Protein backbone atom coordinates (compact mmCIF):
# COMPACT_ATOMS: atom_id res chain seq x y z
CA UNK A 1 216.25 133.85 117.74
CA UNK A 2 216.12 135.32 114.28
CA UNK A 3 213.28 137.46 112.86
CA UNK A 4 211.69 134.46 111.06
CA UNK A 5 211.69 132.40 114.24
CA UNK A 6 210.25 135.31 116.15
CA UNK A 7 207.54 135.70 113.62
CA UNK A 8 206.66 132.00 113.80
CA UNK A 9 206.71 132.06 117.62
CA UNK A 10 204.37 135.03 117.66
CA UNK A 11 202.06 133.33 115.19
CA UNK A 12 201.92 130.19 117.33
CA UNK A 13 201.21 132.29 120.46
CA UNK A 14 198.46 134.14 118.66
CA UNK A 15 196.86 130.86 117.57
CA UNK A 16 196.96 129.56 121.16
CA UNK A 17 195.60 132.80 122.60
CA UNK A 18 192.73 132.57 120.02
CA UNK A 19 191.77 129.06 121.32
CA UNK A 20 193.77 127.02 118.78
CA UNK A 21 195.94 123.92 118.93
CA UNK A 22 199.62 124.16 118.00
CA UNK A 23 201.99 121.31 117.22
CA UNK A 24 205.64 122.03 118.21
CA UNK A 25 208.90 120.27 119.01
CA UNK A 26 209.64 119.38 122.67
CA UNK A 27 212.48 117.70 124.45
CA UNK A 28 212.05 114.26 122.79
CA UNK A 29 208.96 114.28 120.53
CA UNK A 30 206.58 116.62 118.83
CA UNK A 31 203.73 117.76 121.02
CA UNK A 32 200.28 119.19 120.81
CA UNK A 33 199.62 122.28 122.91
CA UNK A 34 196.79 124.54 123.92
CA UNK A 35 195.95 126.86 126.78
CA UNK A 36 194.76 124.91 129.82
CA UNK A 37 191.91 127.31 130.48
CA UNK A 38 190.33 126.67 127.09
CA UNK A 39 187.92 123.68 127.53
CA UNK A 40 187.17 123.49 123.81
CA UNK A 41 190.84 123.43 122.84
CA UNK A 42 191.64 120.78 125.42
CA UNK A 43 188.68 118.69 124.05
CA UNK A 44 190.06 119.11 120.56
CA UNK A 45 193.44 117.74 121.66
CA UNK A 46 191.74 114.69 123.18
CA UNK A 47 189.75 114.18 120.07
CA UNK A 48 192.81 114.51 117.83
CA UNK A 49 194.63 111.98 119.96
CA UNK A 50 191.56 109.75 120.44
CA UNK A 51 192.33 110.03 124.13
CA UNK A 52 189.76 109.61 126.90
CA UNK A 53 189.60 113.03 128.62
CA UNK A 54 189.26 111.27 131.98
CA UNK A 55 192.94 110.32 131.71
CA UNK A 56 193.98 113.94 132.15
CA UNK A 57 196.77 115.82 130.42
CA UNK A 58 200.15 117.19 131.40
CA UNK A 59 201.00 120.89 131.62
CA UNK A 60 204.40 122.50 130.86
CA UNK A 61 205.75 125.77 132.11
CA UNK A 62 208.76 128.00 131.39
CA UNK A 63 209.51 128.73 135.00
CA UNK A 64 208.79 127.52 138.54
CA UNK A 65 207.22 130.96 139.23
CA UNK A 66 204.46 130.17 136.73
CA UNK A 67 203.36 127.02 138.66
CA UNK A 68 204.27 128.19 142.20
CA UNK A 69 200.77 127.88 143.62
CA UNK A 70 200.88 124.13 142.96
CA UNK A 71 203.99 123.63 145.02
CA UNK A 72 202.63 125.33 148.15
CA UNK A 73 200.60 122.11 148.94
CA UNK A 74 203.79 120.00 149.14
CA UNK A 75 206.09 119.55 152.16
CA UNK A 76 209.32 121.50 151.98
CA UNK A 77 211.53 118.45 151.23
CA UNK A 78 209.28 117.37 148.36
CA UNK A 79 209.30 120.94 146.97
CA UNK A 80 213.11 120.76 146.95
CA UNK A 81 213.08 117.53 144.99
CA UNK A 82 210.99 119.15 142.30
CA UNK A 83 213.06 122.32 142.23
CA UNK A 84 216.29 120.33 141.85
CA UNK A 85 214.90 118.53 138.76
CA UNK A 86 213.67 121.61 136.90
CA UNK A 87 213.99 122.86 134.30
CA UNK A 88 214.42 119.40 132.93
CA UNK A 89 213.01 116.05 131.77
CA UNK A 90 210.99 115.15 134.88
CA UNK A 91 207.28 115.64 135.12
CA UNK A 92 205.72 115.49 138.59
CA UNK A 93 202.25 114.57 139.53
CA UNK A 94 201.19 117.21 142.07
CA UNK A 95 197.95 117.31 144.14
CA UNK A 96 195.66 119.94 142.67
CA UNK A 97 192.01 120.87 142.85
CA UNK A 98 192.24 124.57 141.86
CA UNK A 99 195.19 125.44 139.73
CA UNK A 100 194.18 123.72 136.53
CA UNK A 101 190.62 123.08 135.42
CA UNK A 102 189.05 119.64 135.74
CA UNK A 103 189.08 119.21 131.93
CA UNK A 104 192.88 119.16 132.20
CA UNK A 105 193.04 116.94 135.33
CA UNK A 106 190.49 114.45 134.06
CA UNK A 107 189.34 112.09 136.83
CA UNK A 108 192.26 112.98 139.07
CA UNK A 109 192.75 115.38 141.96
CA UNK A 110 196.29 115.98 140.73
CA UNK A 111 198.07 117.25 137.61
CA UNK A 112 201.31 116.27 135.91
CA UNK A 113 203.60 119.32 135.55
CA UNK A 114 207.03 119.90 133.98
CA UNK A 115 209.16 123.00 133.76
CA UNK A 116 210.59 122.57 130.33
CA UNK A 117 214.20 123.05 129.42
CA UNK A 118 213.36 123.06 125.68
CA UNK A 119 213.98 126.66 124.47
CA UNK A 120 211.04 126.76 122.03
CA UNK A 121 208.58 125.19 124.48
CA UNK A 122 209.65 127.69 127.18
CA UNK A 123 209.50 130.60 124.69
CA UNK A 124 205.90 129.56 123.76
CA UNK A 125 204.92 129.65 127.42
CA UNK A 126 206.48 133.13 127.76
CA UNK A 127 204.82 134.39 124.58
CA UNK A 128 201.38 133.34 125.78
CA UNK A 129 202.00 134.28 129.43
CA UNK A 130 200.69 130.84 130.44
CA UNK A 131 201.38 127.24 131.12
CA UNK A 132 200.46 124.99 128.24
CA UNK A 133 198.68 121.66 127.95
CA UNK A 134 201.33 119.48 126.44
CA UNK A 135 200.91 115.98 125.07
CA UNK A 136 202.70 113.91 122.50
CA UNK A 137 201.67 114.40 118.88
CA UNK A 138 200.14 111.07 118.01
CA UNK A 139 196.81 109.35 117.83
CA UNK A 140 196.38 106.69 120.50
CA UNK A 141 198.25 103.49 119.69
CA UNK A 142 200.72 105.13 117.28
CA UNK A 143 204.28 106.24 117.93
CA UNK A 144 204.74 109.91 118.93
CA UNK A 145 205.80 112.10 116.05
CA UNK A 146 209.56 112.74 115.94
CA UNK A 147 209.36 115.24 113.01
CA UNK A 148 207.00 117.92 111.78
CA UNK A 149 206.27 115.90 108.69
CA UNK A 150 205.24 112.86 110.76
CA UNK A 151 202.96 115.03 112.89
CA UNK A 152 201.47 116.52 109.72
CA UNK A 153 200.84 113.00 108.43
CA UNK A 154 198.89 112.23 111.64
CA UNK A 155 196.85 115.47 111.82
CA UNK A 156 197.09 117.30 108.53
CA UNK A 157 194.94 120.45 108.76
CA UNK A 158 193.18 119.43 112.02
CA UNK A 159 196.02 121.26 113.88
CA UNK A 160 195.88 125.05 113.60
CA UNK A 161 199.56 125.70 113.38
CA UNK A 162 202.82 123.79 113.14
CA UNK A 163 205.67 125.67 114.82
CA UNK A 164 208.91 124.65 113.10
CA UNK A 165 211.92 123.81 115.22
CA UNK A 166 214.24 121.08 116.52
CA UNK A 167 213.66 118.41 119.13
CA UNK A 168 215.66 118.74 122.31
CA UNK A 169 217.76 115.65 121.73
CA UNK A 170 216.25 113.40 124.32
CA UNK A 171 215.37 109.79 123.22
CA UNK A 172 212.48 109.24 125.61
CA UNK A 173 209.53 111.43 126.70
CA UNK A 174 209.88 112.78 130.30
CA UNK A 175 209.96 110.61 133.34
CA UNK A 176 206.78 111.00 135.44
CA UNK A 177 207.08 110.87 139.23
CA UNK A 178 204.73 111.21 142.16
CA UNK A 179 205.43 114.57 143.88
CA UNK A 180 204.48 113.27 147.35
CA UNK A 181 206.45 109.99 147.34
CA UNK A 182 209.06 110.41 144.64
CA UNK A 183 207.91 107.13 143.13
CA UNK A 184 208.51 106.70 139.36
CA UNK A 185 205.17 106.34 137.54
CA UNK A 186 206.69 106.31 134.04
CA UNK A 187 210.44 105.88 133.37
CA UNK A 188 211.96 108.47 131.08
């Protein structure tokens, strides 16, 4: 990563650590991110997306170690299924009542989690020392942004920082699966 990219990454991390919302490229689409422990930032993302907070939001991590407490509630064979898919394009819905706050889980006793293989998304997690709330950059009913300019048309200055970068090359957002059964909840 060159000096300009490092500067931009640090700027994005500082914005997140200060309670802001960052728009950044992910594996397939541009996403909105904030720190999961910041209720006001999570509420802003729901407002930007016109999304019912009760639906909950997904979190991304840069490593399995960062979300290890979530895995402990799963049987060993189910843990192995998750570990074999990460880092990568599979998000798993994992039972949870303590790891992420209720304002991230919404009405559920579970949370969708992905260990990202997108270099910039993973670097943003490392730079903040945290998982991130991650959701597609689009208002409800509109297509997810596939470019920074499209995301800026959607949100303009309502987003605190746009972190430049490239998408990961996937055509579809991540597949979402049930961690206990392996059932596909949303194809990828």
